[in-house]
Amino acid sequence: MKNKQVAIVLAGTFPHISLIEQLKERGYYTILVDYFKNPPAKPYADEHIQESTLDKDMVLRISKERNASLVICTYMEHANVTACYVAEKLNLPHPYSYETSLNVSNKLLMKDIMIKNDIPTSKFRVISNVEECDAIDLTYPLIVKPSDSNGSKGVRKADSLVELKQFAEKAFEFSRNHKVIVEEYKIGKEIGIDCYISNGKATVLITKERRKIPVSINQNEQIFGCIWPISIDNPDYTLYEKIAEKIAKAFGLDNTPLMIQAIENDNEINIIEFGARFGGGESFRIIKLSTGFDTTSAAIDSYLGNNVAVKLQNPKFYYAETFIYSKGGTFKEIVGFEDLLKDNTIEYIDSFKNSGDIINSELTGNNRVGVFTVKAKDRPSLMKKINRVIDCINVVDVNGKFIMNKEIYQNNK
């Protein structure tokens, strides 16, 4: 550690392994802050401090005590808020202000600013208790979501007032500020758009189609994977870049990544939400494999205020990440993939869990025990590979029982 600058990394998720490795290459001594005892990135950091990344004052105290030169989070929404808060307090480099970090992570603030700046998004209402559902004047179906939760927690589609009240009650459990957003559901293809904003101009890095778990299996609005890109045949990103630039201007974003989730239908686009960061999951690997662009390096440079040169190669393959979901039980391992790696059906496969980890019976993000990625030159071949992998692999619990939840992939066609 002698003579090295200290970087505090918030959250030990799988993508942050790359972040820690690159910070070390840049000469930093890395301290990982994560609430869990054994997060995936722990073995790669120089130190691990077991504290919550959402406890801003605790992270501030740690950063002061360790004389940190950088407090960073590149792939996690709410930990990014903590990073900006601490950096602002200690006059450390950060990509945008703490106020901006709140605006781009709190769904209520985000929706308000989008509406005021004519950014296309669904009509919505905000409620503070279930009884307020009776007065909502929106057209069903409706999406119910906590205003300040991570990812898809508490996000459900309601087709009636009875369901609206039921799902709103659940959403309140995930909301720290006890506010829930109810918005009109838009029909169309759900897509992701990864961009980089530089000097007010947006460059689309890649697009993806989000594959969702059927509502008949899980009422949570949750995906089981993505296909990257949406098309490799001369895609036109003009509309996406125009909207991205409008978002960047409205929220005061520059020299920063921008990840957009949207519904597309007949060349119309409706913004669900966005983040001023790169996406989690397999974004960091697949974007680099497809385009050659290193999102981790760019994210670090964004924090440090360095200019980022966006140089992209045209994707030659389709990639698909597929999350491996487990039913409830005590995880031991993922099996059945060895031959699939040898014959190049699978590009790579990773486990998110350690043997002995408890898996919930309710279908949530906690049930994602791993991920595999395949590639192909056309979508039919891609789907064929995905289905072969799903047929061959399984999840085993500590008692030797197969507990992979294979039914959620039934719409993978």
Protein backbone atom coordinates (compact mmCIF):
# COMPACT_ATOMS: atom_id res chain seq x y z
CA MET A 1 0.00 0.00 0.00
CA LYS A 2 2.98 2.31 0.53
CA ASN A 3 2.87 5.36 -1.77
CA LYS A 4 -0.26 4.06 -3.52
CA GLN A 5 -3.45 6.02 -3.91
CA VAL A 6 -6.47 4.39 -2.26
CA ALA A 7 -9.61 3.62 -4.25
CA ILE A 8 -12.80 2.69 -2.37
CA VAL A 9 -14.92 0.39 -4.54
CA LEU A 10 -18.60 0.22 -3.58
CA ALA A 11 -20.30 -3.17 -4.10
CA GLY A 12 -18.55 -6.46 -4.80
CA THR A 13 -20.66 -7.54 -7.75
CA PHE A 14 -19.29 -9.69 -10.55
CA PRO A 15 -18.72 -6.76 -12.98
CA HIS A 16 -16.72 -4.97 -10.30
CA ILE A 17 -14.04 -7.64 -10.54
CA SER A 18 -13.03 -5.93 -13.78
CA LEU A 19 -13.18 -2.53 -12.05
CA ILE A 20 -10.88 -3.66 -9.24
CA GLU A 21 -8.42 -5.25 -11.65
CA GLN A 22 -8.20 -2.12 -13.78
CA LEU A 23 -7.82 0.16 -10.75
CA LYS A 24 -4.90 -2.00 -9.61
CA GLU A 25 -3.37 -1.70 -13.10
CA ARG A 26 -3.60 2.08 -12.68
CA GLY A 27 -1.68 1.84 -9.42
CA TYR A 28 -4.48 2.04 -6.83
CA TYR A 29 -4.72 0.16 -3.57
CA THR A 30 -8.30 -1.16 -3.62
CA ILE A 31 -10.65 -1.39 -0.65
CA LEU A 32 -13.98 -3.08 -1.33
CA VAL A 33 -17.00 -2.02 0.73
CA ASP A 34 -19.84 -4.53 0.61
CA TYR A 35 -22.44 -5.63 3.14
CA PHE A 36 -22.06 -9.32 2.31
CA LYS A 37 -19.38 -11.52 3.82
CA ASN A 38 -18.18 -13.09 0.56
CA PRO A 39 -19.24 -11.00 -2.46
CA PRO A 40 -17.87 -12.16 -5.86
CA ALA A 41 -15.27 -9.37 -6.12
CA LYS A 42 -13.83 -9.86 -2.62
CA PRO A 43 -10.88 -12.10 -3.61
CA TYR A 44 -9.68 -9.48 -6.11
CA ALA A 45 -9.57 -6.48 -3.75
CA ASP A 46 -6.66 -5.69 -1.45
CA GLU A 47 -9.11 -5.33 1.45
CA HIS A 48 -12.79 -5.93 2.16
CA ILE A 49 -14.78 -3.90 4.69
CA GLN A 50 -18.17 -5.41 5.49
CA GLU A 51 -20.47 -2.38 5.54
CA SER A 52 -23.48 -1.31 3.52
CA THR A 53 -22.80 0.71 0.37
CA LEU A 54 -26.08 2.55 1.04
CA ASP A 55 -24.81 3.92 4.37
CA LYS A 56 -23.40 7.18 3.03
CA ASP A 57 -22.04 8.42 6.35
CA MET A 58 -20.27 5.13 7.06
CA VAL A 59 -18.64 5.15 3.62
CA LEU A 60 -17.68 8.81 4.19
CA ARG A 61 -16.03 7.87 7.49
CA ILE A 62 -14.12 4.97 5.92
CA SER A 63 -12.98 7.19 3.06
CA LYS A 64 -11.70 9.82 5.48
CA GLU A 65 -9.94 7.28 7.68
CA ARG A 66 -8.23 5.61 4.72
CA ASN A 67 -7.41 8.90 2.98
CA ALA A 68 -9.13 7.74 -0.21
CA SER A 69 -8.27 9.40 -3.51
CA LEU A 70 -11.23 7.85 -5.31
CA VAL A 71 -14.62 6.49 -4.26
CA ILE A 72 -16.20 4.69 -7.18
CA CYS A 73 -19.10 2.50 -8.32
CA THR A 74 -19.53 1.88 -12.02
CA TYR A 75 -22.29 -0.71 -12.42
CA MET A 76 -24.67 -0.27 -9.44
CA GLU A 77 -27.36 2.38 -9.30
CA HIS A 78 -27.78 3.33 -5.65
CA ALA A 79 -24.20 2.68 -4.59
CA ASN A 80 -23.31 5.23 -7.27
CA VAL A 81 -25.34 7.79 -5.29
CA THR A 82 -23.17 7.07 -2.24
CA ALA A 83 -20.01 7.45 -4.33
CA CYS A 84 -21.10 10.89 -5.56
CA TYR A 85 -22.15 11.96 -2.05
CA VAL A 86 -18.81 11.03 -0.51
CA ALA A 87 -16.78 12.42 -3.40
CA GLU A 88 -18.58 15.75 -3.15
CA LYS A 89 -18.02 15.93 0.62
CA LEU A 90 -14.30 15.17 0.28
CA ASN A 91 -13.71 17.09 -2.97
CA LEU A 92 -12.76 13.90 -4.81
CA PRO A 93 -13.30 13.32 -8.55
CA HIS A 94 -16.78 12.23 -9.60
CA PRO A 95 -18.71 12.21 -12.90
CA TYR A 96 -21.56 14.50 -11.76
CA SER A 97 -22.98 16.08 -8.63
CA TYR A 98 -24.69 14.29 -5.77
CA GLU A 99 -27.94 16.08 -6.73
CA THR A 100 -27.66 14.72 -10.26
CA SER A 101 -27.00 11.22 -8.94
CA LEU A 102 -30.32 11.44 -7.08
CA ASN A 103 -32.15 12.70 -10.15
CA VAL A 104 -30.93 9.77 -12.27
CA SER A 105 -31.58 7.06 -9.66
CA ASN A 106 -34.83 8.10 -7.97
CA LYS A 107 -37.57 7.09 -10.40
CA LEU A 108 -39.95 9.80 -9.19
CA LEU A 109 -37.45 12.63 -9.69
CA MET A 110 -36.46 11.10 -13.03
CA LYS A 111 -40.05 10.94 -14.30
CA ASP A 112 -40.78 14.53 -13.25
CA ILE A 113 -37.76 15.86 -15.13
CA MET A 114 -38.51 13.75 -18.21
CA ILE A 115 -42.10 15.04 -18.37
CA LYS A 116 -40.97 18.67 -17.97
CA ASN A 117 -38.46 18.27 -20.81
CA ASP A 118 -40.77 16.48 -23.27
CA ILE A 119 -38.84 13.21 -23.11
CA PRO A 120 -41.29 10.48 -24.21
CA THR A 121 -42.40 8.47 -21.19
CA SER A 122 -45.63 6.98 -19.84
CA LYS A 123 -48.27 8.92 -17.95
CA PHE A 124 -47.87 8.28 -14.25
CA ARG A 125 -49.11 9.03 -10.75
CA VAL A 126 -47.37 8.83 -7.38
CA ILE A 127 -49.05 7.32 -4.34
CA SER A 128 -48.10 7.28 -0.66
CA ASN A 129 -50.61 4.64 0.47
CA VAL A 130 -52.70 1.87 -1.06
CA GLU A 131 -55.97 3.76 -0.58
CA GLU A 132 -54.86 6.34 -3.16
CA CYS A 133 -55.17 3.65 -5.86
CA ASP A 134 -58.93 4.30 -5.96
CA ALA A 135 -58.39 7.80 -7.36
CA ILE A 136 -55.90 6.89 -10.10
CA ASP A 137 -57.16 8.07 -13.50
CA LEU A 138 -54.90 6.04 -15.80
CA THR A 139 -55.68 3.38 -18.42
CA TYR A 140 -55.04 -0.27 -17.56
CA PRO A 141 -52.83 -2.25 -17.66
CA LEU A 142 -50.59 -0.35 -15.25
CA ILE A 143 -47.04 -0.83 -14.07
CA VAL A 144 -46.44 -0.51 -10.33
CA LYS A 145 -42.92 0.23 -9.10
CA PRO A 146 -41.16 1.56 -5.99
CA SER A 147 -39.78 5.02 -6.65
CA ASP A 148 -36.31 4.27 -5.28
CA SER A 149 -35.55 0.54 -5.40
CA ASN A 150 -32.84 -1.35 -7.26
CA GLY A 151 -33.61 -3.06 -10.57
CA SER A 152 -36.90 -4.95 -10.91
CA LYS A 153 -37.67 -5.35 -7.20
CA GLY A 154 -41.36 -4.73 -6.61
CA VAL A 155 -42.13 -3.98 -10.27
CA ARG A 156 -45.38 -5.62 -11.45
CA LYS A 157 -48.09 -5.23 -14.09
CA ALA A 158 -51.65 -4.77 -12.83
CA ASP A 159 -54.70 -5.47 -15.00
CA SER A 160 -57.33 -4.40 -12.47
CA LEU A 161 -57.86 -2.27 -9.37
CA VAL A 162 -57.68 -5.38 -7.19
CA GLU A 163 -54.24 -6.26 -8.61
CA LEU A 164 -53.15 -2.63 -8.44
CA LYS A 165 -53.79 -2.49 -4.70
CA GLN A 166 -52.19 -5.89 -4.15
CA PHE A 167 -49.04 -5.00 -6.09
CA ALA A 168 -48.83 -1.48 -4.66
CA GLU A 169 -48.78 -2.93 -1.15
CA LYS A 170 -45.86 -5.15 -2.19
CA ALA A 171 -44.06 -2.24 -3.87
CA PHE A 172 -44.20 -0.19 -0.67
CA GLU A 173 -42.13 -2.91 1.02
CA PHE A 174 -39.24 -2.12 -1.36
CA SER A 175 -39.50 1.67 -1.18
CA ARG A 176 -37.29 3.45 1.33
CA ASN A 177 -39.13 6.77 0.89
CA HIS A 178 -42.54 5.02 0.94
CA LYS A 179 -43.62 6.29 -2.44
CA VAL A 180 -44.79 4.16 -5.35
CA ILE A 181 -45.09 5.06 -9.02
CA VAL A 182 -48.06 3.85 -11.05
CA GLU A 183 -47.71 4.32 -14.80
CA GLU A 184 -49.46 3.24 -17.98
CA TYR A 185 -48.13 0.08 -19.59
CA LYS A 186 -46.79 0.47 -23.13
CA ILE A 187 -47.00 -2.40 -25.64
CA GLY A 188 -43.93 -3.15 -27.73
CA LYS A 189 -40.43 -4.60 -27.67
CA GLU A 190 -38.46 -3.83 -24.51
CA ILE A 191 -34.96 -2.71 -25.44
CA GLY A 192 -31.79 -1.45 -23.84
CA ILE A 193 -29.57 1.24 -25.35
CA ASP A 194 -26.02 1.76 -24.10
CA CYS A 195 -24.55 5.14 -25.00
CA TYR A 196 -21.67 7.40 -24.16
CA ILE A 197 -22.20 11.16 -23.87
CA SER A 198 -19.26 13.34 -24.87
CA ASN A 199 -19.43 17.12 -25.43
CA GLY A 200 -23.21 16.93 -25.46
CA LYS A 201 -23.27 14.33 -28.23
CA ALA A 202 -24.45 10.75 -27.79
CA THR A 203 -22.86 7.74 -29.40
CA VAL A 204 -24.78 4.46 -29.22
CA LEU A 205 -22.38 1.66 -28.29
CA ILE A 206 -24.84 -1.18 -28.72
CA THR A 207 -28.51 -2.10 -28.36
CA LYS A 208 -30.12 -5.14 -26.82
CA GLU A 209 -33.48 -6.85 -26.66
CA ARG A 210 -34.56 -7.72 -23.14
CA ARG A 211 -36.14 -11.19 -22.75
CA LYS A 212 -38.73 -11.32 -19.98
CA ILE A 213 -39.98 -14.09 -17.74
CA PRO A 214 -43.62 -14.87 -18.68
CA VAL A 215 -46.13 -13.13 -16.39
CA SER A 216 -47.95 -16.47 -16.03
CA ILE A 217 -44.89 -17.72 -14.12
CA ASN A 218 -43.80 -14.58 -12.30
CA GLN A 219 -45.80 -11.40 -11.88
CA ASN A 220 -42.64 -9.41 -11.24
CA GLU A 221 -41.43 -7.60 -14.35
CA GLN A 222 -38.14 -9.46 -14.56
CA ILE A 223 -35.84 -10.50 -17.38
CA PHE A 224 -33.93 -13.76 -17.85
CA GLY A 225 -31.47 -12.39 -20.39
CA CYS A 226 -30.80 -10.17 -23.39
CA ILE A 227 -29.86 -10.47 -27.06
CA TRP A 228 -27.11 -8.14 -28.30
CA PRO A 229 -27.39 -6.25 -30.62
CA ILE A 230 -30.98 -5.97 -31.80
CA SER A 231 -29.66 -6.09 -35.38
CA ILE A 232 -26.19 -6.30 -36.95
CA ASP A 233 -27.44 -5.30 -40.41
CA ASN A 234 -26.70 -1.55 -40.71
CA PRO A 235 -28.80 -0.38 -37.74
CA ASP A 236 -29.95 3.25 -37.67
CA TYR A 237 -29.30 4.77 -34.24
CA THR A 238 -30.35 8.34 -35.13
CA LEU A 239 -33.54 8.33 -33.05
CA TYR A 240 -31.82 6.72 -30.06
CA GLU A 241 -28.99 9.25 -30.11
CA LYS A 242 -31.40 12.17 -30.42
CA ILE A 243 -33.33 11.03 -27.33
CA ALA A 244 -30.11 10.29 -25.43
CA GLU A 245 -28.88 13.83 -26.10
CA LYS A 246 -32.20 15.22 -24.90
CA ILE A 247 -31.87 13.24 -21.67
CA ALA A 248 -28.26 14.36 -21.22
CA LYS A 249 -29.23 18.02 -21.64
CA ALA A 250 -32.21 17.78 -19.28
CA PHE A 251 -30.17 16.12 -16.52
CA GLY A 252 -26.87 17.95 -17.04
CA LEU A 253 -24.87 14.89 -18.07
CA ASP A 254 -21.61 14.95 -20.03
CA ASN A 255 -18.55 12.74 -20.36
CA THR A 256 -20.54 9.90 -18.88
CA PRO A 257 -22.22 6.64 -19.86
CA LEU A 258 -25.97 6.56 -20.34
CA MET A 259 -27.99 3.34 -20.15
CA ILE A 260 -31.58 3.59 -21.40
CA GLN A 261 -34.46 1.13 -21.00
CA ALA A 262 -37.33 1.72 -23.41
CA ILE A 263 -40.33 0.28 -25.20
CA GLU A 264 -40.18 0.45 -29.00
CA ASN A 265 -43.19 0.06 -31.27
CA ASP A 266 -43.50 1.12 -34.94
CA ASN A 267 -40.47 3.45 -34.77
CA GLU A 268 -41.87 5.14 -31.66
CA ILE A 269 -39.91 4.96 -28.46
CA ASN A 270 -41.09 5.33 -24.88
CA ILE A 271 -38.52 5.69 -22.11
CA ILE A 272 -39.08 3.45 -19.08
CA GLU A 273 -36.06 4.70 -17.15
CA PHE A 274 -32.33 5.24 -17.55
CA GLY A 275 -29.10 5.34 -15.59
CA ALA A 276 -26.05 7.56 -15.92
CA ARG A 277 -23.83 4.49 -15.79
CA PHE A 278 -23.17 1.32 -17.72
CA GLY A 279 -25.55 -1.58 -17.21
CA GLY A 280 -24.83 -4.36 -14.78
CA GLY A 281 -24.93 -8.06 -15.56
CA GLU A 282 -22.92 -8.99 -18.62
CA SER A 283 -22.83 -5.50 -20.20
CA PHE A 284 -19.15 -4.96 -19.46
CA ARG A 285 -18.13 -8.18 -21.21
CA ILE A 286 -20.56 -8.30 -24.13
CA ILE A 287 -20.08 -4.66 -25.15
CA LYS A 288 -16.33 -5.26 -25.30
CA LEU A 289 -16.70 -8.56 -27.18
CA SER A 290 -19.08 -6.98 -29.71
CA THR A 291 -17.60 -3.52 -30.23
CA GLY A 292 -14.13 -3.52 -28.67
CA PHE A 293 -15.18 -0.69 -26.33
CA ASP A 294 -13.97 -1.14 -22.73
CA THR A 295 -16.78 0.14 -20.50
CA THR A 296 -14.81 -0.33 -17.27
CA SER A 297 -11.92 1.80 -18.48
CA ALA A 298 -14.36 4.43 -19.78
CA ALA A 299 -16.23 4.49 -16.46
CA ILE A 300 -13.02 5.08 -14.52
CA ASP A 301 -12.04 7.88 -16.90
CA SER A 302 -15.51 9.39 -16.51
CA TYR A 303 -14.99 9.56 -12.74
CA LEU A 304 -11.53 11.05 -13.15
CA GLY A 305 -12.67 13.64 -15.69
CA ASN A 306 -10.57 12.21 -18.51
CA ASN A 307 -11.79 12.44 -22.08
CA VAL A 308 -13.03 9.14 -23.49
CA ALA A 309 -12.43 8.30 -27.14
CA VAL A 310 -15.39 6.28 -28.37
CA LYS A 311 -14.01 3.95 -31.05
CA LEU A 312 -16.24 1.08 -32.07
CA GLN A 313 -15.95 -1.93 -34.34
CA ASN A 314 -19.08 -3.22 -36.07
CA PRO A 315 -20.56 -6.28 -34.32
CA LYS A 316 -20.12 -9.47 -36.37
CA PHE A 317 -22.07 -11.80 -34.10
CA TYR A 318 -25.20 -11.87 -32.00
CA TYR A 319 -24.60 -12.54 -28.32
CA ALA A 320 -27.11 -13.72 -25.76
CA GLU A 321 -26.68 -13.73 -22.01
CA THR A 322 -29.03 -16.03 -20.13
CA PHE A 323 -29.33 -15.94 -16.38
CA ILE A 324 -29.55 -19.31 -14.65
CA TYR A 325 -32.47 -19.27 -12.22
CA SER A 326 -32.86 -21.69 -9.34
CA LYS A 327 -35.82 -22.77 -7.29
CA GLY A 328 -35.58 -22.53 -3.51
CA GLY A 329 -32.92 -24.56 -1.73
CA THR A 330 -29.31 -24.59 -0.61
CA PHE A 331 -27.04 -24.08 -3.60
CA LYS A 332 -24.14 -26.41 -4.32
CA GLU A 333 -23.15 -26.04 -7.98
CA ILE A 334 -24.11 -25.71 -11.63
CA VAL A 335 -23.54 -28.90 -13.64
CA GLY A 336 -23.72 -30.22 -17.20
CA PHE A 337 -21.82 -27.50 -19.07
CA GLU A 338 -18.36 -29.02 -19.60
CA ASP A 339 -19.01 -30.51 -23.05
CA LEU A 340 -20.83 -27.32 -24.11
CA LEU A 341 -17.69 -25.32 -23.40
CA LYS A 342 -15.52 -27.81 -25.27
CA ASP A 343 -17.62 -27.70 -28.46
CA ASN A 344 -17.99 -23.88 -28.27
CA THR A 345 -21.74 -23.93 -27.73
CA ILE A 346 -21.09 -21.74 -24.68
CA GLU A 347 -18.67 -18.81 -24.77
CA TYR A 348 -18.45 -18.71 -20.99
CA ILE A 349 -20.46 -19.65 -17.90
CA ASP A 350 -20.16 -18.21 -14.39
CA SER A 351 -21.66 -18.94 -11.00
CA PHE A 352 -22.83 -16.06 -8.78
CA LYS A 353 -23.26 -18.20 -5.68
CA ASN A 354 -21.04 -20.12 -3.28
CA SER A 355 -21.79 -23.66 -2.15
CA GLY A 356 -24.06 -23.42 0.89
CA ASP A 357 -25.78 -20.18 -0.15
CA ILE A 358 -29.52 -20.15 0.57
CA ILE A 359 -31.81 -19.55 -2.43
CA ASN A 360 -35.27 -18.08 -1.81
CA SER A 361 -38.38 -19.90 -2.96
CA GLU A 362 -39.93 -16.66 -4.30
CA LEU A 363 -38.75 -15.83 -7.82
CA THR A 364 -36.56 -12.71 -7.47
CA GLY A 365 -33.09 -11.58 -8.47
CA ASN A 366 -31.74 -13.70 -5.60
CA ASN A 367 -32.63 -16.78 -7.63
CA ARG A 368 -30.05 -15.89 -10.29
CA VAL A 369 -27.30 -18.34 -9.45
CA GLY A 370 -25.24 -17.90 -12.61
CA VAL A 371 -25.11 -16.85 -16.25
CA PHE A 372 -24.03 -18.30 -19.58
CA THR A 373 -23.37 -16.55 -22.88
CA VAL A 374 -23.57 -17.86 -26.44
CA LYS A 375 -22.88 -16.26 -29.82
CA ALA A 376 -23.94 -16.91 -33.41
CA LYS A 377 -24.05 -15.19 -36.80
CA ASP A 378 -27.86 -15.24 -36.93
CA ARG A 379 -30.69 -15.25 -34.42
CA PRO A 380 -32.13 -18.73 -35.22
CA SER A 381 -28.70 -20.29 -34.55
CA LEU A 382 -28.44 -18.22 -31.36
CA MET A 383 -31.77 -19.49 -30.08
CA LYS A 384 -30.85 -23.07 -30.94
CA LYS A 385 -27.70 -22.78 -28.84
CA ILE A 386 -29.55 -21.22 -25.90
CA ASN A 387 -32.15 -23.97 -25.85
CA ARG A 388 -29.51 -26.68 -26.07
CA VAL A 389 -27.72 -25.22 -23.04
CA ILE A 390 -30.95 -24.96 -21.04
CA ASP A 391 -31.70 -28.62 -21.82
CA CYS A 392 -28.23 -29.80 -20.75
CA ILE A 393 -27.32 -27.82 -17.63
CA ASN A 394 -28.85 -27.90 -14.18
CA VAL A 395 -28.48 -26.53 -10.67
CA VAL A 396 -27.77 -28.98 -7.87
CA ASP A 397 -28.50 -28.38 -4.19
CA VAL A 398 -26.44 -29.75 -1.30
CA ASN A 399 -28.64 -32.86 -1.21
CA GLY A 400 -28.01 -33.68 -4.87
CA LYS A 401 -31.46 -32.53 -6.02
CA PHE A 402 -31.88 -30.70 -9.35
CA ILE A 403 -33.40 -27.27 -8.63
CA MET A 404 -32.92 -25.23 -11.83
CA ASN A 405 -36.12 -23.34 -12.67
CA LYS A 406 -36.36 -24.29 -16.35
CA GLU A 407 -39.98 -23.32 -16.94
CA ILE A 408 -39.19 -19.59 -17.01
CA TYR A 409 -37.47 -20.01 -20.40
CA GLN A 410 -40.57 -21.29 -22.14
CA ASN A 411 -40.88 -18.18 -24.38
CA ASN A 412 -37.27 -18.44 -25.58
CA LYS A 413 -38.12 -18.87 -29.26
